[in-house]
């Protein structure tokens, strides 16, 4: 959520999210907030103030609807698409190369990777930046997704995984 909503972190006009866990409250709130045309800063405030909202004894969705009614500034995000089925995800060529497109792939390790691979091998031609959220780096297809990734954010890893990642990506100019 920080990457998507914090000012100055990511610049995008179109947001696409493809995942099998879009039922999670964070995604439902994010989708509803964008549907209500709330700007990113307002959505971030909603996530940052969850404790206060719960103290008001309101569901986040009801609070969000109240925010939207009182909001004068509208979202600058043109398109918001949330996909749970690969067949619904557009081909990268269908996205406007004149827009800053952001595609988030979430929790798709058990799915066929054809759509994801297409984005990682053809996305630059359509002005698309991709994020792939995964529990296991090594289960991602190496020649299409892993080798076309420009940034890798890791959480705690055991020594064996660190050694493999290091040998995959780091040249001799950086120590472990």
N, C-alpha and C. Protein backbone atom coordinates (compact mmCIF):
# COMPACT_ATOMS: atom_id res chain seq x y z
N UNK A 1 0.83 -1.20 0.00
CA UNK A 1 0.00 0.00 0.00
C UNK A 1 0.87 1.25 0.00
N UNK A 2 2.00 1.20 0.69
CA UNK A 2 2.90 2.35 0.66
C UNK A 2 3.35 2.67 -0.76
N UNK A 3 3.80 1.64 -1.48
CA UNK A 3 4.23 1.87 -2.86
C UNK A 3 3.11 2.47 -3.70
N UNK A 4 1.91 1.97 -3.52
CA UNK A 4 0.79 2.44 -4.35
C UNK A 4 0.29 3.82 -3.97
N UNK A 5 0.39 4.20 -2.68
CA UNK A 5 -0.32 5.38 -2.22
C UNK A 5 0.55 6.53 -1.71
N UNK A 6 1.74 6.27 -1.22
CA UNK A 6 2.57 7.34 -0.65
C UNK A 6 2.99 8.32 -1.74
N UNK A 7 2.82 9.62 -1.48
CA UNK A 7 3.22 10.63 -2.47
C UNK A 7 4.70 10.52 -2.83
N UNK A 8 4.96 10.55 -4.12
CA UNK A 8 6.33 10.51 -4.62
C UNK A 8 6.96 9.14 -4.72
N UNK A 9 6.26 8.10 -4.29
CA UNK A 9 6.86 6.76 -4.35
C UNK A 9 6.71 6.16 -5.73
N UNK A 10 5.51 6.15 -6.28
CA UNK A 10 5.26 5.63 -7.62
C UNK A 10 4.38 6.61 -8.38
N UNK A 11 4.69 6.79 -9.64
CA UNK A 11 3.91 7.69 -10.48
C UNK A 11 3.22 6.83 -11.55
N UNK A 12 1.90 6.78 -11.48
CA UNK A 12 1.17 5.98 -12.46
C UNK A 12 -0.20 6.62 -12.73
N UNK A 13 -0.69 6.37 -13.94
CA UNK A 13 -2.02 6.85 -14.35
C UNK A 13 -3.04 5.73 -14.29
N UNK A 14 -2.62 4.53 -14.64
CA UNK A 14 -3.49 3.36 -14.68
C UNK A 14 -2.95 2.30 -13.73
N UNK A 15 -3.85 1.73 -12.94
CA UNK A 15 -3.47 0.66 -12.02
C UNK A 15 -4.22 -0.60 -12.40
N UNK A 16 -3.48 -1.69 -12.57
CA UNK A 16 -4.07 -3.00 -12.81
C UNK A 16 -3.54 -3.95 -11.74
N UNK A 17 -4.43 -4.72 -11.14
CA UNK A 17 -4.03 -5.70 -10.13
C UNK A 17 -4.61 -7.04 -10.56
N UNK A 18 -3.76 -8.04 -10.66
CA UNK A 18 -4.19 -9.38 -11.00
C UNK A 18 -3.78 -10.29 -9.85
N UNK A 19 -4.77 -10.92 -9.21
CA UNK A 19 -4.47 -11.79 -8.09
C UNK A 19 -5.63 -12.68 -7.75
N UNK A 20 -5.31 -13.72 -7.02
CA UNK A 20 -6.33 -14.68 -6.59
C UNK A 20 -6.80 -14.39 -5.16
N UNK A 21 -6.26 -13.34 -4.55
CA UNK A 21 -6.65 -13.03 -3.17
C UNK A 21 -7.20 -11.60 -3.06
N UNK A 22 -7.91 -11.17 -4.08
CA UNK A 22 -8.46 -9.81 -4.09
C UNK A 22 -9.63 -9.65 -3.13
N UNK A 23 -10.04 -10.73 -2.48
CA UNK A 23 -11.09 -10.68 -1.47
C UNK A 23 -10.57 -10.10 -0.15
N UNK A 24 -9.26 -9.96 -0.02
CA UNK A 24 -8.68 -9.42 1.21
C UNK A 24 -9.20 -8.01 1.46
N UNK A 25 -9.41 -7.64 2.71
CA UNK A 25 -9.97 -6.32 3.03
C UNK A 25 -9.19 -5.16 2.41
N UNK A 26 -7.86 -5.25 2.39
CA UNK A 26 -7.06 -4.15 1.83
C UNK A 26 -7.38 -3.92 0.36
N UNK A 27 -7.49 -4.99 -0.41
CA UNK A 27 -7.81 -4.84 -1.82
C UNK A 27 -9.24 -4.35 -2.02
N UNK A 28 -10.17 -4.86 -1.21
CA UNK A 28 -11.56 -4.42 -1.34
C UNK A 28 -11.68 -2.93 -1.03
N UNK A 29 -10.99 -2.47 -0.01
CA UNK A 29 -11.02 -1.05 0.35
C UNK A 29 -10.34 -0.22 -0.73
N UNK A 30 -9.19 -0.67 -1.21
CA UNK A 30 -8.48 0.05 -2.27
C UNK A 30 -9.35 0.18 -3.52
N UNK A 31 -9.96 -0.90 -3.94
CA UNK A 31 -10.82 -0.87 -5.13
C UNK A 31 -12.01 0.07 -4.92
N UNK A 32 -12.67 -0.05 -3.78
CA UNK A 32 -13.82 0.81 -3.48
C UNK A 32 -13.40 2.28 -3.45
N UNK A 33 -12.25 2.57 -2.84
CA UNK A 33 -11.78 3.95 -2.76
C UNK A 33 -11.49 4.52 -4.14
N UNK A 34 -10.85 3.73 -5.00
CA UNK A 34 -10.60 4.21 -6.36
C UNK A 34 -11.90 4.33 -7.15
N UNK A 35 -12.84 3.40 -6.93
CA UNK A 35 -14.15 3.51 -7.58
C UNK A 35 -14.86 4.80 -7.18
N UNK A 36 -14.66 5.21 -5.93
CA UNK A 36 -15.26 6.46 -5.42
C UNK A 36 -14.44 7.68 -5.84
N UNK A 37 -13.37 7.46 -6.60
CA UNK A 37 -12.49 8.51 -7.11
C UNK A 37 -11.78 9.30 -6.01
N UNK A 38 -11.49 8.63 -4.90
CA UNK A 38 -10.72 9.28 -3.85
C UNK A 38 -9.26 9.39 -4.30
N UNK A 39 -8.61 10.51 -4.01
CA UNK A 39 -7.18 10.62 -4.34
C UNK A 39 -6.34 9.71 -3.45
N UNK A 40 -5.15 9.39 -3.92
CA UNK A 40 -4.28 8.46 -3.20
C UNK A 40 -4.01 8.92 -1.77
N UNK A 41 -3.84 10.22 -1.55
CA UNK A 41 -3.56 10.72 -0.20
C UNK A 41 -4.70 10.43 0.76
N UNK A 42 -5.94 10.53 0.29
CA UNK A 42 -7.10 10.24 1.14
C UNK A 42 -7.19 8.75 1.45
N UNK A 43 -6.88 7.92 0.48
CA UNK A 43 -6.90 6.48 0.69
C UNK A 43 -5.82 6.10 1.71
N UNK A 44 -4.67 6.71 1.58
CA UNK A 44 -3.58 6.44 2.51
C UNK A 44 -3.99 6.83 3.94
N UNK A 45 -4.65 7.98 4.08
CA UNK A 45 -5.12 8.39 5.40
C UNK A 45 -6.07 7.35 5.99
N UNK A 46 -6.90 6.78 5.14
CA UNK A 46 -7.83 5.74 5.57
C UNK A 46 -7.06 4.55 6.15
N UNK A 47 -6.02 4.10 5.45
CA UNK A 47 -5.23 2.98 5.94
C UNK A 47 -4.41 3.35 7.17
N UNK A 48 -3.89 4.58 7.21
CA UNK A 48 -3.07 5.01 8.34
C UNK A 48 -3.89 5.20 9.62
N UNK A 49 -5.20 5.42 9.49
CA UNK A 49 -6.04 5.73 10.65
C UNK A 49 -7.07 4.64 10.95
N UNK A 50 -6.71 3.41 10.69
CA UNK A 50 -7.66 2.31 10.89
C UNK A 50 -8.13 2.20 12.34
N UNK A 51 -7.22 2.43 13.28
CA UNK A 51 -7.60 2.31 14.70
C UNK A 51 -8.68 3.32 15.06
N UNK A 52 -8.52 4.55 14.59
CA UNK A 52 -9.51 5.59 14.89
C UNK A 52 -10.86 5.28 14.24
N UNK A 53 -10.81 4.73 13.05
CA UNK A 53 -12.05 4.36 12.36
C UNK A 53 -12.78 3.26 13.12
N UNK A 54 -12.02 2.29 13.61
CA UNK A 54 -12.62 1.20 14.37
C UNK A 54 -13.22 1.72 15.68
N UNK A 55 -12.60 2.73 16.28
CA UNK A 55 -13.13 3.32 17.52
C UNK A 55 -14.46 4.03 17.27
N UNK A 56 -14.65 4.51 16.04
CA UNK A 56 -15.93 5.12 15.69
C UNK A 56 -17.01 4.07 15.46
N UNK A 57 -16.61 2.81 15.50
CA UNK A 57 -17.53 1.69 15.31
C UNK A 57 -18.16 1.69 13.91
N UNK A 58 -17.35 2.10 12.93
CA UNK A 58 -17.80 2.11 11.53
C UNK A 58 -16.98 1.10 10.74
N UNK A 59 -17.60 0.49 9.78
CA UNK A 59 -16.83 -0.36 8.89
C UNK A 59 -16.01 0.56 7.98
N UNK A 60 -14.82 0.11 7.55
CA UNK A 60 -14.02 0.95 6.66
C UNK A 60 -14.75 1.35 5.39
N UNK A 61 -15.62 0.48 4.88
CA UNK A 61 -16.35 0.79 3.65
C UNK A 61 -17.35 1.93 3.88
N UNK A 62 -18.06 1.91 5.00
CA UNK A 62 -19.01 2.98 5.31
C UNK A 62 -18.25 4.29 5.53
N UNK A 63 -17.14 4.22 6.24
CA UNK A 63 -16.32 5.41 6.46
C UNK A 63 -15.82 5.96 5.13
N UNK A 64 -15.41 5.05 4.25
CA UNK A 64 -14.92 5.43 2.93
C UNK A 64 -16.02 6.13 2.12
N UNK A 65 -17.23 5.61 2.16
CA UNK A 65 -18.34 6.24 1.44
C UNK A 65 -18.62 7.64 1.97
N UNK A 66 -18.51 7.82 3.29
CA UNK A 66 -18.69 9.15 3.88
C UNK A 66 -17.58 10.09 3.42
N UNK A 67 -16.35 9.58 3.38
CA UNK A 67 -15.23 10.38 2.89
C UNK A 67 -15.46 10.83 1.46
N UNK A 68 -15.94 9.91 0.64
CA UNK A 68 -16.14 10.21 -0.78
C UNK A 68 -17.20 11.30 -0.97
N UNK A 69 -18.25 11.28 -0.14
CA UNK A 69 -19.29 12.30 -0.26
C UNK A 69 -18.75 13.70 0.08
N UNK A 70 -17.80 13.76 1.01
CA UNK A 70 -17.26 15.04 1.45
C UNK A 70 -15.99 15.46 0.71
N UNK A 71 -15.53 14.62 -0.19
CA UNK A 71 -14.28 14.87 -0.90
C UNK A 71 -14.50 15.82 -2.07
N UNK A 72 -13.70 16.87 -2.14
CA UNK A 72 -13.81 17.79 -3.28
C UNK A 72 -12.78 17.44 -4.35
N UNK A 73 -11.61 16.96 -3.93
CA UNK A 73 -10.58 16.59 -4.88
C UNK A 73 -10.82 15.15 -5.35
N UNK A 74 -10.68 14.92 -6.64
CA UNK A 74 -10.88 13.58 -7.20
C UNK A 74 -9.55 12.93 -7.54
N UNK A 75 -9.58 11.63 -7.67
CA UNK A 75 -8.38 10.85 -7.98
C UNK A 75 -7.82 11.23 -9.33
N UNK A 76 -6.49 11.22 -9.42
CA UNK A 76 -5.84 11.47 -10.71
C UNK A 76 -5.52 10.16 -11.44
N UNK A 77 -5.97 9.04 -10.88
CA UNK A 77 -5.76 7.74 -11.52
C UNK A 77 -6.89 7.54 -12.53
N UNK A 78 -6.52 7.36 -13.80
CA UNK A 78 -7.52 7.24 -14.86
C UNK A 78 -8.30 5.94 -14.79
N UNK A 79 -7.58 4.84 -14.72
CA UNK A 79 -8.22 3.53 -14.80
C UNK A 79 -7.75 2.65 -13.67
N UNK A 80 -8.69 1.92 -13.10
CA UNK A 80 -8.40 0.99 -12.03
C UNK A 80 -9.03 -0.35 -12.40
N UNK A 81 -8.20 -1.33 -12.58
CA UNK A 81 -8.71 -2.64 -12.98
C UNK A 81 -8.21 -3.69 -12.00
N UNK A 82 -9.13 -4.51 -11.52
CA UNK A 82 -8.79 -5.60 -10.63
C UNK A 82 -9.26 -6.89 -11.28
N UNK A 83 -8.33 -7.82 -11.51
CA UNK A 83 -8.63 -9.05 -12.23
C UNK A 83 -8.36 -10.27 -11.36
N UNK A 84 -9.29 -11.23 -11.37
CA UNK A 84 -9.06 -12.49 -10.68
C UNK A 84 -8.86 -13.63 -11.67
N UNK A 85 -9.19 -13.41 -12.93
CA UNK A 85 -9.04 -14.45 -13.95
C UNK A 85 -8.06 -13.98 -15.02
N UNK A 86 -7.14 -14.86 -15.38
CA UNK A 86 -6.12 -14.52 -16.37
C UNK A 86 -6.74 -14.12 -17.70
N UNK A 87 -7.88 -14.72 -18.04
CA UNK A 87 -8.51 -14.40 -19.33
C UNK A 87 -9.01 -12.95 -19.39
N UNK A 88 -9.21 -12.33 -18.23
CA UNK A 88 -9.67 -10.93 -18.19
C UNK A 88 -8.52 -9.92 -18.26
N UNK A 89 -7.32 -10.35 -17.98
CA UNK A 89 -6.17 -9.45 -17.97
C UNK A 89 -5.83 -9.07 -19.41
N UNK A 90 -5.75 -7.77 -19.70
CA UNK A 90 -5.46 -7.37 -21.08
C UNK A 90 -4.03 -7.71 -21.48
N UNK A 91 -3.85 -7.88 -22.75
CA UNK A 91 -2.52 -8.03 -23.31
C UNK A 91 -1.78 -6.71 -23.08
N UNK A 92 -0.48 -6.73 -22.81
CA UNK A 92 0.23 -5.46 -22.59
C UNK A 92 0.06 -4.47 -23.74
N UNK A 93 -0.07 -4.97 -24.95
CA UNK A 93 -0.23 -4.09 -26.12
C UNK A 93 -1.55 -3.32 -26.11
N UNK A 94 -2.52 -3.79 -25.33
CA UNK A 94 -3.82 -3.12 -25.26
C UNK A 94 -3.79 -1.89 -24.35
N UNK A 95 -2.73 -1.73 -23.56
CA UNK A 95 -2.61 -0.58 -22.68
C UNK A 95 -1.96 0.58 -23.43
N UNK A 96 -2.36 1.78 -23.12
CA UNK A 96 -1.85 2.95 -23.83
C UNK A 96 -0.38 3.19 -23.48
N UNK A 97 0.47 3.28 -24.48
CA UNK A 97 1.88 3.59 -24.20
C UNK A 97 2.08 5.05 -23.79
N UNK A 98 1.03 5.85 -23.89
CA UNK A 98 1.10 7.27 -23.52
C UNK A 98 0.70 7.50 -22.07
N UNK A 99 0.26 6.45 -21.41
CA UNK A 99 -0.09 6.50 -19.99
C UNK A 99 0.99 5.77 -19.20
N UNK A 100 1.11 6.10 -17.93
CA UNK A 100 2.03 5.38 -17.03
C UNK A 100 1.22 4.26 -16.39
N UNK A 101 1.43 3.05 -16.88
CA UNK A 101 0.67 1.88 -16.45
C UNK A 101 1.43 1.12 -15.37
N UNK A 102 0.70 0.66 -14.38
CA UNK A 102 1.28 -0.15 -13.31
C UNK A 102 0.48 -1.44 -13.19
N UNK A 103 1.17 -2.57 -13.30
CA UNK A 103 0.54 -3.89 -13.18
C UNK A 103 1.11 -4.58 -11.95
N UNK A 104 0.21 -5.02 -11.06
CA UNK A 104 0.61 -5.74 -9.86
C UNK A 104 0.10 -7.17 -9.98
N UNK A 105 1.02 -8.11 -9.90
CA UNK A 105 0.67 -9.53 -9.87
C UNK A 105 0.83 -9.98 -8.43
N UNK A 106 -0.24 -10.51 -7.85
CA UNK A 106 -0.19 -10.88 -6.44
C UNK A 106 -0.60 -12.32 -6.23
N UNK A 107 0.29 -13.08 -5.61
CA UNK A 107 -0.02 -14.42 -5.14
C UNK A 107 -0.48 -15.35 -6.28
N UNK A 108 0.31 -15.41 -7.34
CA UNK A 108 -0.07 -16.19 -8.51
C UNK A 108 0.86 -17.38 -8.78
N UNK A 109 1.66 -17.77 -7.81
CA UNK A 109 2.62 -18.84 -8.03
C UNK A 109 1.99 -20.15 -8.47
N UNK A 110 0.76 -20.40 -8.06
CA UNK A 110 0.10 -21.65 -8.42
C UNK A 110 -0.66 -21.57 -9.74
N UNK A 111 -0.63 -20.41 -10.36
CA UNK A 111 -1.35 -20.21 -11.62
C UNK A 111 -0.39 -20.34 -12.81
N UNK A 112 -0.96 -20.50 -13.99
CA UNK A 112 -0.14 -20.46 -15.20
C UNK A 112 0.43 -19.05 -15.32
N UNK A 113 1.64 -18.95 -15.74
CA UNK A 113 2.36 -17.67 -15.73
C UNK A 113 2.36 -16.95 -17.08
N UNK A 114 1.56 -17.39 -18.04
CA UNK A 114 1.61 -16.81 -19.38
C UNK A 114 1.38 -15.30 -19.40
N UNK A 115 0.35 -14.84 -18.69
CA UNK A 115 0.07 -13.39 -18.66
C UNK A 115 1.20 -12.63 -18.00
N UNK A 116 1.70 -13.17 -16.91
CA UNK A 116 2.79 -12.52 -16.19
C UNK A 116 4.04 -12.44 -17.07
N UNK A 117 4.35 -13.54 -17.73
CA UNK A 117 5.52 -13.57 -18.61
C UNK A 117 5.38 -12.54 -19.73
N UNK A 118 4.17 -12.42 -20.28
CA UNK A 118 3.95 -11.46 -21.36
C UNK A 118 4.26 -10.04 -20.89
N UNK A 119 3.86 -9.71 -19.68
CA UNK A 119 4.13 -8.38 -19.16
C UNK A 119 5.62 -8.18 -18.91
N UNK A 120 6.28 -9.17 -18.40
CA UNK A 120 7.71 -9.01 -18.08
C UNK A 120 8.58 -9.01 -19.32
N UNK A 121 8.09 -9.52 -20.44
CA UNK A 121 8.90 -9.52 -21.66
C UNK A 121 8.47 -8.45 -22.66
N UNK A 122 7.23 -7.94 -22.55
CA UNK A 122 6.74 -6.95 -23.52
C UNK A 122 6.27 -5.64 -22.90
N UNK A 123 6.34 -5.53 -21.59
CA UNK A 123 5.72 -4.39 -20.91
C UNK A 123 6.36 -3.05 -21.25
N UNK A 124 7.65 -3.03 -21.48
CA UNK A 124 8.32 -1.75 -21.72
C UNK A 124 7.78 -1.06 -22.98
N UNK A 125 7.34 -1.83 -23.95
CA UNK A 125 6.80 -1.26 -25.19
C UNK A 125 5.45 -0.59 -24.95
N UNK A 126 4.79 -0.94 -23.86
CA UNK A 126 3.48 -0.37 -23.54
C UNK A 126 3.55 0.54 -22.32
N UNK A 127 4.74 0.92 -21.91
CA UNK A 127 4.93 1.81 -20.77
C UNK A 127 4.29 1.24 -19.50
N UNK A 128 4.64 -0.01 -19.20
CA UNK A 128 4.09 -0.70 -18.03
C UNK A 128 5.21 -1.04 -17.06
N UNK A 129 5.02 -0.70 -15.80
CA UNK A 129 5.89 -1.17 -14.73
C UNK A 129 5.15 -2.30 -14.02
N UNK A 130 5.90 -3.35 -13.66
CA UNK A 130 5.29 -4.52 -13.05
C UNK A 130 5.83 -4.78 -11.65
N UNK A 131 4.95 -5.25 -10.80
CA UNK A 131 5.32 -5.75 -9.48
C UNK A 131 4.80 -7.18 -9.41
N UNK A 132 5.62 -8.06 -8.91
CA UNK A 132 5.19 -9.44 -8.71
C UNK A 132 5.41 -9.75 -7.24
N UNK A 133 4.31 -9.93 -6.51
CA UNK A 133 4.38 -10.27 -5.09
C UNK A 133 4.32 -11.78 -4.97
N UNK A 134 5.35 -12.38 -4.38
CA UNK A 134 5.40 -13.84 -4.31
C UNK A 134 6.02 -14.28 -2.99
N UNK A 135 5.61 -15.45 -2.55
CA UNK A 135 6.15 -16.03 -1.34
C UNK A 135 7.47 -16.75 -1.61
N UNK A 136 7.71 -17.11 -2.86
CA UNK A 136 8.90 -17.89 -3.18
C UNK A 136 9.53 -17.36 -4.46
N UNK A 137 10.66 -16.75 -4.33
CA UNK A 137 11.40 -16.18 -5.46
C UNK A 137 11.78 -17.25 -6.48
N UNK A 138 12.18 -18.42 -6.02
CA UNK A 138 12.73 -19.44 -6.91
C UNK A 138 11.66 -20.16 -7.72
N UNK A 139 10.41 -20.01 -7.36
CA UNK A 139 9.33 -20.63 -8.16
C UNK A 139 8.92 -19.73 -9.32
N UNK A 140 9.40 -18.49 -9.34
CA UNK A 140 9.11 -17.60 -10.47
C UNK A 140 9.91 -18.06 -11.68
N UNK A 141 9.33 -17.97 -12.87
CA UNK A 141 10.08 -18.35 -14.08
C UNK A 141 11.34 -17.51 -14.23
N UNK A 142 12.46 -18.19 -14.36
CA UNK A 142 13.75 -17.50 -14.36
C UNK A 142 13.98 -16.62 -15.58
N UNK A 143 13.80 -17.15 -16.78
CA UNK A 143 14.18 -16.40 -17.98
C UNK A 143 13.21 -15.29 -18.35
N UNK A 144 12.03 -15.31 -17.82
CA UNK A 144 11.08 -14.25 -18.18
C UNK A 144 10.85 -13.26 -17.04
N UNK A 145 10.53 -13.74 -15.87
CA UNK A 145 10.19 -12.82 -14.78
C UNK A 145 11.42 -12.46 -13.95
N UNK A 146 12.12 -13.44 -13.43
CA UNK A 146 13.26 -13.14 -12.55
C UNK A 146 14.35 -12.35 -13.26
N UNK A 147 14.69 -12.71 -14.48
CA UNK A 147 15.79 -12.02 -15.16
C UNK A 147 15.37 -10.68 -15.76
N UNK A 148 14.10 -10.40 -15.85
CA UNK A 148 13.64 -9.10 -16.34
C UNK A 148 13.25 -8.15 -15.21
N UNK A 149 13.40 -8.59 -13.98
CA UNK A 149 13.10 -7.73 -12.84
C UNK A 149 14.25 -6.75 -12.63
N UNK A 150 13.91 -5.49 -12.40
CA UNK A 150 14.93 -4.47 -12.14
C UNK A 150 15.20 -4.27 -10.66
N UNK A 151 14.21 -4.51 -9.84
CA UNK A 151 14.33 -4.36 -8.39
C UNK A 151 13.76 -5.60 -7.72
N UNK A 152 14.43 -6.05 -6.69
CA UNK A 152 13.95 -7.20 -5.94
C UNK A 152 13.96 -6.80 -4.46
N UNK A 153 12.82 -6.88 -3.84
CA UNK A 153 12.70 -6.60 -2.40
C UNK A 153 12.54 -7.93 -1.69
N UNK A 154 13.41 -8.19 -0.76
CA UNK A 154 13.38 -9.47 -0.05
C UNK A 154 13.10 -9.25 1.43
N UNK A 155 12.43 -10.19 2.02
CA UNK A 155 12.29 -10.24 3.46
C UNK A 155 13.25 -11.32 3.95
N UNK A 156 13.24 -11.60 5.21
CA UNK A 156 14.19 -12.57 5.77
C UNK A 156 14.30 -13.83 4.90
N UNK A 157 15.55 -14.22 4.67
CA UNK A 157 15.84 -15.42 3.89
C UNK A 157 16.85 -16.25 4.66
N UNK A 158 16.83 -17.55 4.42
CA UNK A 158 17.89 -18.36 5.02
C UNK A 158 19.16 -18.21 4.18
N UNK A 159 20.27 -18.67 4.72
CA UNK A 159 21.58 -18.51 4.09
C UNK A 159 21.61 -19.13 2.69
N UNK A 160 20.99 -20.28 2.50
CA UNK A 160 21.00 -20.95 1.20
C UNK A 160 20.32 -20.08 0.14
N UNK A 161 19.15 -19.53 0.45
CA UNK A 161 18.46 -18.67 -0.51
C UNK A 161 19.26 -17.42 -0.81
N UNK A 162 19.84 -16.81 0.21
CA UNK A 162 20.66 -15.61 0.01
C UNK A 162 21.81 -15.92 -0.95
N UNK A 163 22.46 -17.06 -0.76
CA UNK A 163 23.58 -17.44 -1.64
C UNK A 163 23.11 -17.60 -3.08
N UNK A 164 21.97 -18.23 -3.28
CA UNK A 164 21.46 -18.42 -4.65
C UNK A 164 21.06 -17.08 -5.29
N UNK A 165 20.40 -16.24 -4.55
CA UNK A 165 20.00 -14.93 -5.08
C UNK A 165 21.24 -14.11 -5.41
N UNK A 166 22.21 -14.14 -4.52
CA UNK A 166 23.46 -13.42 -4.75
C UNK A 166 24.13 -13.90 -6.03
N UNK A 167 24.22 -15.20 -6.21
CA UNK A 167 24.87 -15.71 -7.42
C UNK A 167 24.06 -15.42 -8.68
N UNK A 168 22.74 -15.30 -8.57
CA UNK A 168 21.90 -14.97 -9.72
C UNK A 168 22.06 -13.51 -10.17
N UNK A 169 22.25 -12.59 -9.22
CA UNK A 169 22.11 -11.18 -9.55
C UNK A 169 23.30 -10.27 -9.27
N UNK A 170 24.22 -10.70 -8.45
CA UNK A 170 25.25 -9.77 -8.01
C UNK A 170 26.57 -10.10 -8.69
N UNK A 171 27.18 -9.07 -9.23
CA UNK A 171 28.52 -9.27 -9.79
C UNK A 171 29.54 -9.13 -8.65
N UNK A 172 30.77 -9.21 -8.96
CA UNK A 172 31.81 -9.24 -7.94
C UNK A 172 32.01 -7.90 -7.22
N UNK A 173 31.34 -6.85 -7.65
CA UNK A 173 31.56 -5.53 -7.02
C UNK A 173 30.73 -5.28 -5.77
N UNK A 174 30.01 -6.27 -5.30
CA UNK A 174 29.18 -6.09 -4.10
C UNK A 174 29.36 -7.28 -3.17
N UNK A 175 29.56 -6.99 -1.91
CA UNK A 175 29.70 -8.09 -0.95
C UNK A 175 28.31 -8.50 -0.48
N UNK A 176 28.24 -9.71 0.03
CA UNK A 176 26.98 -10.19 0.59
C UNK A 176 26.62 -9.40 1.80
